[in-house]
Amino acid sequence: QVQVVESGGDLVQPGGSLRLSCVVSASRFRVYAMNWHRQAPGKQRELVAGITTHGYPEYADFVKGRFAISRDSGENTGHLQMNDLKPEDSAVYYCHAEGPSGDEMVDYWGQGTQVTVSS
């Protein structure tokens, strides 16, 4: 069974930083792509950043220059470094893992970690 667990969410002041982590636990599942999404109250879930095994990161325009996504080499773990946080970054952040299972690509979601940016 595959489990996706996020951690690192917290209350932080505007301009502050947080580092989120995602651990994908599975005996045979190897993560190909790890993505971070977020959902604020009353809004749709949106893609924040993603990175594949090849290490090419992609970012939503609203976090470029502030957030950095990374993967631990050879491990099913990843991180989202968030700097210069703004109140509009407040949301539940979800880790989304994609990878092969036989001939198919499957995906798994974590339960989310709350990020609140407020003074």
N, C-alpha and C. Protein backbone atom coordinates (compact mmCIF):
# COMPACT_ATOMS: atom_id res chain seq x y z
N GLN A 1 0.84 -1.18 0.00
CA GLN A 1 0.00 0.00 0.00
C GLN A 1 0.88 1.24 0.00
N VAL A 2 0.48 2.24 -0.75
CA VAL A 2 1.26 3.47 -0.87
C VAL A 2 0.68 4.53 0.06
N GLN A 3 1.54 5.13 0.84
CA GLN A 3 1.12 6.23 1.71
C GLN A 3 1.91 7.48 1.35
N VAL A 4 1.21 8.60 1.30
CA VAL A 4 1.84 9.89 1.02
C VAL A 4 1.60 10.77 2.24
N VAL A 5 2.67 11.23 2.84
CA VAL A 5 2.54 12.01 4.07
C VAL A 5 3.31 13.32 3.93
N GLU A 6 2.58 14.41 4.12
CA GLU A 6 3.21 15.73 4.11
C GLU A 6 3.48 16.20 5.52
N SER A 7 4.44 17.08 5.66
CA SER A 7 4.73 17.69 6.95
C SER A 7 5.36 19.05 6.72
N GLY A 8 5.40 19.85 7.78
CA GLY A 8 6.07 21.14 7.71
C GLY A 8 5.16 22.34 7.70
N GLY A 9 3.86 22.14 7.56
CA GLY A 9 2.96 23.28 7.58
C GLY A 9 2.94 23.95 8.94
N ASP A 10 2.70 25.26 8.92
CA ASP A 10 2.73 26.00 10.20
C ASP A 10 2.13 27.38 9.98
N LEU A 11 2.05 28.13 11.06
CA LEU A 11 1.67 29.54 11.02
C LEU A 11 2.96 30.35 10.92
N VAL A 12 3.01 31.25 9.94
CA VAL A 12 4.22 32.04 9.73
C VAL A 12 3.80 33.46 9.37
N GLN A 13 4.66 34.41 9.71
CA GLN A 13 4.37 35.80 9.39
C GLN A 13 4.68 36.09 7.92
N PRO A 14 4.04 37.09 7.35
CA PRO A 14 4.37 37.49 5.97
C PRO A 14 5.86 37.77 5.83
N GLY A 15 6.43 37.29 4.73
CA GLY A 15 7.86 37.43 4.51
C GLY A 15 8.67 36.28 5.06
N GLY A 16 8.03 35.42 5.81
CA GLY A 16 8.73 34.27 6.41
C GLY A 16 8.89 33.11 5.45
N SER A 17 9.47 32.05 5.97
CA SER A 17 9.76 30.86 5.16
C SER A 17 9.27 29.60 5.85
N LEU A 18 8.96 28.61 5.04
CA LEU A 18 8.62 27.27 5.52
C LEU A 18 9.19 26.26 4.55
N ARG A 19 9.47 25.07 5.07
CA ARG A 19 9.91 23.97 4.21
C ARG A 19 8.97 22.79 4.43
N LEU A 20 8.25 22.45 3.38
CA LEU A 20 7.35 21.30 3.43
C LEU A 20 8.09 20.06 2.95
N SER A 21 7.72 18.94 3.51
CA SER A 21 8.30 17.68 3.09
C SER A 21 7.20 16.70 2.73
N CYS A 22 7.54 15.79 1.82
CA CYS A 22 6.60 14.76 1.38
C CYS A 22 7.35 13.43 1.37
N VAL A 23 6.80 12.45 2.04
CA VAL A 23 7.38 11.11 2.05
C VAL A 23 6.36 10.15 1.47
N VAL A 24 6.79 9.42 0.45
CA VAL A 24 5.94 8.42 -0.18
C VAL A 24 6.46 7.05 0.24
N SER A 25 5.66 6.35 1.00
CA SER A 25 6.08 5.06 1.54
C SER A 25 5.45 3.93 0.74
N ALA A 26 6.31 3.12 0.13
CA ALA A 26 5.81 1.99 -0.64
C ALA A 26 6.97 1.06 -0.92
N SER A 27 6.73 -0.23 -0.88
CA SER A 27 7.82 -1.17 -1.04
C SER A 27 8.29 -1.25 -2.48
N ARG A 28 7.38 -1.09 -3.44
CA ARG A 28 7.77 -1.28 -4.84
C ARG A 28 7.46 -0.08 -5.72
N PHE A 29 6.75 0.89 -5.21
CA PHE A 29 6.35 2.04 -6.02
C PHE A 29 7.47 3.06 -6.04
N ARG A 30 7.89 3.43 -7.24
CA ARG A 30 8.93 4.45 -7.39
C ARG A 30 8.30 5.70 -7.96
N VAL A 31 8.46 6.79 -7.28
CA VAL A 31 7.85 8.04 -7.72
C VAL A 31 8.57 8.57 -8.96
N TYR A 32 7.78 8.83 -9.99
CA TYR A 32 8.34 9.49 -11.18
C TYR A 32 8.19 11.01 -11.07
N ALA A 33 7.02 11.44 -10.75
CA ALA A 33 6.77 12.88 -10.62
C ALA A 33 6.19 13.18 -9.25
N MET A 34 6.69 14.21 -8.66
CA MET A 34 6.16 14.67 -7.38
C MET A 34 5.71 16.11 -7.55
N ASN A 35 4.46 16.36 -7.23
CA ASN A 35 3.88 17.67 -7.42
C ASN A 35 3.31 18.18 -6.10
N TRP A 36 3.30 19.49 -5.97
CA TRP A 36 2.65 20.13 -4.84
C TRP A 36 1.47 20.95 -5.36
N HIS A 37 0.34 20.74 -4.75
CA HIS A 37 -0.86 21.51 -5.04
C HIS A 37 -1.29 22.21 -3.76
N ARG A 38 -2.15 23.18 -3.90
CA ARG A 38 -2.69 23.83 -2.71
C ARG A 38 -4.16 24.18 -2.94
N GLN A 39 -4.87 24.26 -1.83
CA GLN A 39 -6.28 24.63 -1.91
C GLN A 39 -6.61 25.52 -0.73
N ALA A 40 -7.05 26.72 -1.05
CA ALA A 40 -7.50 27.67 -0.04
C ALA A 40 -9.02 27.55 0.11
N PRO A 41 -9.56 27.95 1.24
CA PRO A 41 -11.01 27.86 1.45
C PRO A 41 -11.79 28.58 0.35
N GLY A 42 -12.76 27.87 -0.21
CA GLY A 42 -13.61 28.47 -1.24
C GLY A 42 -12.98 28.54 -2.61
N LYS A 43 -11.77 28.00 -2.75
CA LYS A 43 -11.09 28.04 -4.05
C LYS A 43 -10.78 26.64 -4.54
N GLN A 44 -10.53 26.54 -5.84
CA GLN A 44 -10.17 25.25 -6.41
C GLN A 44 -8.72 24.89 -6.08
N ARG A 45 -8.46 23.62 -6.06
CA ARG A 45 -7.09 23.16 -5.87
C ARG A 45 -6.26 23.57 -7.09
N GLU A 46 -5.05 24.05 -6.83
CA GLU A 46 -4.21 24.52 -7.93
C GLU A 46 -2.80 23.95 -7.79
N LEU A 47 -2.17 23.76 -8.94
CA LEU A 47 -0.81 23.24 -8.98
C LEU A 47 0.17 24.35 -8.59
N VAL A 48 1.07 24.02 -7.70
CA VAL A 48 2.07 24.98 -7.24
C VAL A 48 3.42 24.72 -7.91
N ALA A 49 3.86 23.47 -7.88
CA ALA A 49 5.16 23.12 -8.43
C ALA A 49 5.22 21.62 -8.66
N GLY A 50 6.10 21.21 -9.55
CA GLY A 50 6.27 19.79 -9.82
C GLY A 50 7.70 19.50 -10.24
N ILE A 51 8.11 18.26 -10.02
CA ILE A 51 9.46 17.85 -10.40
C ILE A 51 9.43 16.37 -10.72
N THR A 52 10.17 15.99 -11.78
CA THR A 52 10.22 14.58 -12.16
C THR A 52 11.54 13.96 -11.71
N THR A 53 11.64 12.66 -11.99
CA THR A 53 12.86 11.95 -11.65
C THR A 53 14.07 12.58 -12.33
N HIS A 54 13.84 13.15 -13.52
CA HIS A 54 14.94 13.77 -14.25
C HIS A 54 15.37 15.08 -13.63
N GLY A 55 14.57 15.58 -12.68
CA GLY A 55 14.99 16.74 -11.92
C GLY A 55 14.63 18.08 -12.50
N TYR A 56 13.72 18.13 -13.47
CA TYR A 56 13.35 19.41 -14.07
C TYR A 56 12.14 19.98 -13.35
N PRO A 57 12.33 21.07 -12.61
CA PRO A 57 11.21 21.63 -11.86
C PRO A 57 10.36 22.56 -12.71
N GLU A 58 9.10 22.62 -12.36
CA GLU A 58 8.20 23.58 -12.98
C GLU A 58 7.41 24.27 -11.88
N TYR A 59 7.08 25.54 -12.10
CA TYR A 59 6.41 26.33 -11.08
C TYR A 59 5.24 27.09 -11.67
N ALA A 60 4.24 27.29 -10.83
CA ALA A 60 3.18 28.21 -11.19
C ALA A 60 3.75 29.62 -11.15
N ASP A 61 3.21 30.48 -11.98
CA ASP A 61 3.74 31.85 -12.06
C ASP A 61 3.71 32.55 -10.71
N PHE A 62 2.69 32.23 -9.91
CA PHE A 62 2.52 32.99 -8.67
C PHE A 62 3.52 32.60 -7.58
N VAL A 63 4.37 31.60 -7.83
CA VAL A 63 5.39 31.24 -6.85
C VAL A 63 6.80 31.30 -7.41
N LYS A 64 6.93 31.59 -8.68
CA LYS A 64 8.27 31.64 -9.29
C LYS A 64 9.14 32.68 -8.58
N GLY A 65 10.35 32.25 -8.29
CA GLY A 65 11.28 33.13 -7.60
C GLY A 65 11.16 33.10 -6.08
N ARG A 66 10.11 32.47 -5.57
CA ARG A 66 9.90 32.40 -4.13
C ARG A 66 9.95 30.97 -3.60
N PHE A 67 9.45 30.04 -4.37
CA PHE A 67 9.39 28.64 -3.95
C PHE A 67 10.40 27.81 -4.73
N ALA A 68 10.89 26.75 -4.10
CA ALA A 68 11.80 25.83 -4.77
C ALA A 68 11.43 24.41 -4.40
N ILE A 69 11.26 23.58 -5.43
CA ILE A 69 10.91 22.18 -5.23
C ILE A 69 12.15 21.32 -5.42
N SER A 70 12.27 20.27 -4.65
CA SER A 70 13.43 19.40 -4.77
C SER A 70 13.04 17.97 -4.45
N ARG A 71 13.88 17.03 -4.88
CA ARG A 71 13.71 15.61 -4.58
C ARG A 71 14.99 15.10 -3.95
N ASP A 72 14.86 14.18 -3.03
CA ASP A 72 16.03 13.52 -2.48
C ASP A 72 16.45 12.43 -3.45
N SER A 73 17.68 12.46 -3.88
CA SER A 73 18.16 11.55 -4.92
C SER A 73 17.95 10.10 -4.53
N GLY A 74 17.27 9.36 -5.41
CA GLY A 74 17.07 7.94 -5.17
C GLY A 74 16.03 7.60 -4.12
N GLU A 75 15.36 8.62 -3.59
CA GLU A 75 14.38 8.39 -2.54
C GLU A 75 13.02 8.89 -2.97
N ASN A 76 12.00 8.32 -2.35
CA ASN A 76 10.64 8.78 -2.62
C ASN A 76 10.27 9.93 -1.68
N THR A 77 11.15 10.88 -1.56
CA THR A 77 10.88 12.03 -0.71
C THR A 77 11.15 13.31 -1.47
N GLY A 78 10.48 14.35 -1.08
CA GLY A 78 10.67 15.63 -1.72
C GLY A 78 10.34 16.76 -0.78
N HIS A 79 10.65 17.97 -1.23
CA HIS A 79 10.48 19.13 -0.37
C HIS A 79 10.01 20.32 -1.19
N LEU A 80 9.36 21.23 -0.51
CA LEU A 80 8.98 22.49 -1.11
C LEU A 80 9.45 23.60 -0.17
N GLN A 81 10.48 24.30 -0.59
CA GLN A 81 10.99 25.42 0.18
C GLN A 81 10.21 26.66 -0.23
N MET A 82 9.59 27.29 0.74
CA MET A 82 8.73 28.44 0.45
C MET A 82 9.32 29.66 1.17
N ASN A 83 9.70 30.65 0.39
CA ASN A 83 10.27 31.88 0.93
C ASN A 83 9.38 33.07 0.60
N ASP A 84 9.58 34.15 1.33
CA ASP A 84 8.82 35.38 1.10
C ASP A 84 7.33 35.08 1.03
N LEU A 85 6.84 34.38 2.03
CA LEU A 85 5.45 33.97 2.02
C LEU A 85 4.51 35.16 2.16
N LYS A 86 3.38 35.05 1.49
CA LYS A 86 2.37 36.10 1.49
C LYS A 86 1.07 35.54 2.06
N PRO A 87 0.21 36.40 2.56
CA PRO A 87 -1.07 35.90 3.09
C PRO A 87 -1.84 35.06 2.07
N GLU A 88 -1.73 35.41 0.80
CA GLU A 88 -2.45 34.65 -0.24
C GLU A 88 -1.87 33.26 -0.47
N ASP A 89 -0.73 32.96 0.14
CA ASP A 89 -0.18 31.61 0.07
C ASP A 89 -0.83 30.67 1.10
N SER A 90 -1.65 31.22 1.96
CA SER A 90 -2.32 30.41 2.97
C SER A 90 -3.24 29.40 2.30
N ALA A 91 -3.06 28.14 2.64
CA ALA A 91 -3.83 27.07 2.02
C ALA A 91 -3.40 25.75 2.65
N VAL A 92 -4.16 24.71 2.32
CA VAL A 92 -3.70 23.35 2.60
C VAL A 92 -2.86 22.92 1.41
N TYR A 93 -1.65 22.47 1.68
CA TYR A 93 -0.74 22.04 0.64
C TYR A 93 -0.73 20.51 0.57
N TYR A 94 -0.90 20.01 -0.64
CA TYR A 94 -1.00 18.57 -0.86
C TYR A 94 0.16 18.09 -1.73
N CYS A 95 0.69 16.95 -1.35
CA CYS A 95 1.69 16.29 -2.17
C CYS A 95 0.98 15.27 -3.06
N HIS A 96 1.37 15.23 -4.31
CA HIS A 96 0.76 14.34 -5.31
C HIS A 96 1.89 13.58 -5.98
N ALA A 97 1.86 12.26 -5.87
CA ALA A 97 2.93 11.43 -6.41
C ALA A 97 2.41 10.60 -7.58
N GLU A 98 3.17 10.57 -8.66
CA GLU A 98 2.81 9.78 -9.84
C GLU A 98 3.95 8.82 -10.16
N GLY A 99 3.59 7.64 -10.61
CA GLY A 99 4.62 6.68 -10.96
C GLY A 99 4.04 5.48 -11.67
N PRO A 100 4.91 4.63 -12.21
CA PRO A 100 4.44 3.46 -12.95
C PRO A 100 4.00 2.33 -12.03
N SER A 101 2.96 1.65 -12.49
CA SER A 101 2.51 0.42 -11.84
C SER A 101 2.16 -0.54 -12.98
N GLY A 102 3.09 -1.44 -13.28
CA GLY A 102 2.91 -2.28 -14.47
C GLY A 102 3.01 -1.40 -15.70
N ASP A 103 1.98 -1.50 -16.55
CA ASP A 103 1.96 -0.70 -17.78
C ASP A 103 1.22 0.62 -17.62
N GLU A 104 0.78 0.90 -16.40
CA GLU A 104 -0.02 2.10 -16.20
C GLU A 104 0.73 3.11 -15.33
N MET A 105 0.29 4.35 -15.42
CA MET A 105 0.74 5.37 -14.48
C MET A 105 -0.36 5.54 -13.44
N VAL A 106 0.03 5.52 -12.19
CA VAL A 106 -0.92 5.71 -11.10
C VAL A 106 -0.50 6.91 -10.28
N ASP A 107 -1.42 7.38 -9.47
CA ASP A 107 -1.08 8.54 -8.65
C ASP A 107 -1.73 8.45 -7.28
N TYR A 108 -1.10 9.12 -6.34
CA TYR A 108 -1.56 9.10 -4.95
C TYR A 108 -1.47 10.51 -4.37
N TRP A 109 -2.40 10.79 -3.46
CA TRP A 109 -2.44 12.08 -2.79
C TRP A 109 -2.22 11.92 -1.29
N GLY A 110 -1.60 12.92 -0.70
CA GLY A 110 -1.50 12.96 0.74
C GLY A 110 -2.71 13.66 1.32
N GLN A 111 -2.76 13.74 2.65
CA GLN A 111 -3.87 14.36 3.35
C GLN A 111 -3.73 15.87 3.46
N GLY A 112 -2.55 16.38 3.19
CA GLY A 112 -2.35 17.82 3.21
C GLY A 112 -1.74 18.33 4.50
N THR A 113 -1.11 19.49 4.39
CA THR A 113 -0.54 20.16 5.56
C THR A 113 -0.90 21.64 5.47
N GLN A 114 -1.36 22.19 6.58
CA GLN A 114 -1.88 23.56 6.59
C GLN A 114 -0.75 24.58 6.68
N VAL A 115 -0.80 25.54 5.77
CA VAL A 115 0.11 26.69 5.80
C VAL A 115 -0.73 27.94 5.99
N THR A 116 -0.43 28.69 7.03
CA THR A 116 -1.14 29.93 7.30
C THR A 116 -0.14 31.06 7.40
N VAL A 117 -0.34 32.07 6.58
CA VAL A 117 0.55 33.23 6.57
C VAL A 117 -0.24 34.42 7.09
N SER A 118 0.13 34.85 8.27
CA SER A 118 -0.63 35.92 8.91
C SER A 118 0.23 36.61 9.95
N SER A 119 -0.02 37.91 10.12
CA SER A 119 0.69 38.65 11.17
C SER A 119 -0.15 38.67 12.44
